[in-house]
Every structure is written in structure tokens, then in C-alpha cells.
């Protein structure tokens, strides 16, 4: 059991390092909203693999310490693209890896 926990912590540390590097290298900033083009990105994967956690890390530079089951979370953040002076709002959906149980 202790070995399994160490393995999980090592995987989280690797994800933290990768995402920190990506966010820092790309110098992501949040500009004021003006006319915008909306781009939607949907992340797919199995249940409990960390789709929402990775999106939260990329968008908000946070990473949840505890697993929280999510069903179709929607995250929004504004970006200014260096290659294109227009602003856009990026909606990133994180659909559930399992089925919703709304009874």
C-alpha cells in the first residue's frame, strides 16, 4: 500500500513539473475582455485519470490534493495570443469518464 501511494505521489510530481514548465514557457496572461473568438477544447479520458485536475493546473496553476469526482465540469479563462492580436475566451470542458446518475 505504501508503495502504491509513493507511485501516485511520483506521478503527481511529474504532472506538476510538466504543467509548470508549459505554463511558464508560454507566459500565459489574462487580458481584459474585448471582441472575442471562442474556442472550445474537450478533454476525453477514462474515469478518475485526472482530466479536470490537469485542466485546473493549466488554467489556474492549482492542483487539487484530493480527488473530487466531477461530471462535465466547464472551465473558462481568457487568453491573448502572441501570434494573433485578437483576444479569445477558451472554454475547456471536462466530461465525466463515467455515466451521470441523475435519478
Protein backbone atom coordinates (compact mmCIF):
# COMPACT_ATOMS: atom_id res chain seq x y z
CA UNK A 1 0.00 0.00 0.00
CA UNK A 2 2.82 2.42 0.85
CA UNK A 3 4.49 1.66 -2.49
CA UNK A 4 1.26 2.43 -4.34
CA UNK A 5 0.96 5.79 -2.54
CA UNK A 6 4.59 6.63 -3.37
CA UNK A 7 3.91 5.82 -7.02
CA UNK A 8 0.85 8.11 -7.05
CA UNK A 9 2.85 10.95 -5.47
CA UNK A 10 5.63 10.50 -8.04
CA UNK A 11 3.12 10.65 -10.90
CA UNK A 12 1.57 13.82 -9.45
CA UNK A 13 5.03 15.38 -9.09
CA UNK A 14 5.78 14.59 -12.75
CA UNK A 15 2.48 16.14 -13.85
CA UNK A 16 3.15 19.23 -11.68
CA UNK A 17 6.61 19.64 -13.23
CA UNK A 18 5.36 19.23 -16.82
CA UNK A 19 2.46 21.65 -16.42
CA UNK A 20 4.55 24.25 -14.54
CA UNK A 21 7.11 24.15 -17.34
CA UNK A 22 4.43 24.50 -20.02
CA UNK A 23 2.63 27.40 -18.32
CA UNK A 24 5.88 29.25 -17.55
CA UNK A 25 7.36 28.77 -21.03
CA UNK A 26 4.20 30.02 -22.71
CA UNK A 27 3.85 33.06 -20.42
CA UNK A 28 0.08 32.81 -20.19
CA UNK A 29 -1.67 36.00 -19.09
CA UNK A 30 -5.27 37.12 -18.62
CA UNK A 31 -6.19 40.25 -20.64
CA UNK A 32 -9.34 42.37 -20.44
CA UNK A 33 -12.26 41.11 -22.49
CA UNK A 34 -12.83 42.76 -25.88
CA UNK A 35 -14.34 41.29 -29.06
CA UNK A 36 -13.52 37.64 -28.82
CA UNK A 37 -13.38 34.41 -30.71
CA UNK A 38 -14.48 31.41 -28.69
CA UNK A 39 -12.55 28.17 -28.91
CA UNK A 40 -13.80 25.05 -27.17
CA UNK A 41 -11.46 22.26 -26.10
CA UNK A 42 -12.86 18.97 -24.82
CA UNK A 43 -10.62 16.58 -22.90
CA UNK A 44 -11.52 12.90 -23.09
CA UNK A 45 -10.27 10.04 -20.94
CA UNK A 46 -11.27 7.29 -18.58
CA UNK A 47 -12.88 7.85 -15.18
CA UNK A 48 -10.52 9.06 -12.46
CA UNK A 49 -7.46 9.66 -14.67
CA UNK A 50 -7.10 13.39 -13.84
CA UNK A 51 -8.72 15.27 -16.75
CA UNK A 52 -10.18 18.01 -14.52
CA UNK A 53 -7.02 18.21 -12.41
CA UNK A 54 -4.83 18.78 -15.47
CA UNK A 55 -7.18 21.48 -16.78
CA UNK A 56 -7.22 23.22 -13.38
CA UNK A 57 -3.43 23.11 -13.27
CA UNK A 58 -3.09 24.56 -16.77
CA UNK A 59 -5.74 27.25 -16.39
CA UNK A 60 -5.38 28.33 -12.76
CA UNK A 61 -1.96 26.97 -11.68
CA UNK A 62 -3.56 24.91 -8.93
CA UNK A 63 -3.69 21.15 -8.49
CA UNK A 64 -6.20 19.53 -6.13
CA UNK A 65 -4.61 17.37 -3.46
CA UNK A 66 -7.69 15.17 -3.11
CA UNK A 67 -9.74 13.51 -5.83
CA UNK A 68 -13.17 15.04 -6.34
CA UNK A 69 -15.45 13.27 -8.79
CA UNK A 70 -16.67 15.65 -11.47
CA UNK A 71 -19.34 15.36 -14.14
CA UNK A 72 -18.93 17.64 -17.17
CA UNK A 73 -17.10 20.50 -15.45
CA UNK A 74 -16.66 23.65 -17.52
CA UNK A 75 -13.65 25.92 -17.04
CA UNK A 76 -13.26 29.32 -18.68
CA UNK A 77 -10.21 31.54 -18.98
CA UNK A 78 -9.26 34.43 -21.27
CA UNK A 79 -6.01 34.45 -23.23
CA UNK A 80 -4.24 36.85 -25.56
CA UNK A 81 -2.41 35.07 -28.34
CA UNK A 82 1.05 36.42 -29.18
CA UNK A 83 0.74 35.49 -32.88
CA UNK A 84 -2.74 36.92 -33.23
CA UNK A 85 -3.60 40.26 -31.59
CA UNK A 86 -7.25 39.26 -31.12
CA UNK A 87 -8.44 38.04 -27.75
CA UNK A 88 -10.31 34.83 -27.22
CA UNK A 89 -12.06 33.07 -24.41
CA UNK A 90 -11.20 29.43 -24.00
CA UNK A 91 -13.85 27.10 -22.61
CA UNK A 92 -12.42 23.76 -21.64
CA UNK A 93 -14.87 21.01 -20.93
CA UNK A 94 -14.01 18.04 -18.80
CA UNK A 95 -16.65 15.39 -19.48
CA UNK A 96 -17.04 12.64 -16.96
CA UNK A 97 -15.29 9.36 -17.64
CA UNK A 98 -18.31 7.58 -16.18
CA UNK A 99 -22.05 7.89 -16.51
CA UNK A 100 -24.04 10.54 -14.69
CA UNK A 101 -26.54 9.17 -12.20
CA UNK A 102 -29.24 11.84 -12.03
CA UNK A 103 -32.25 9.95 -10.64
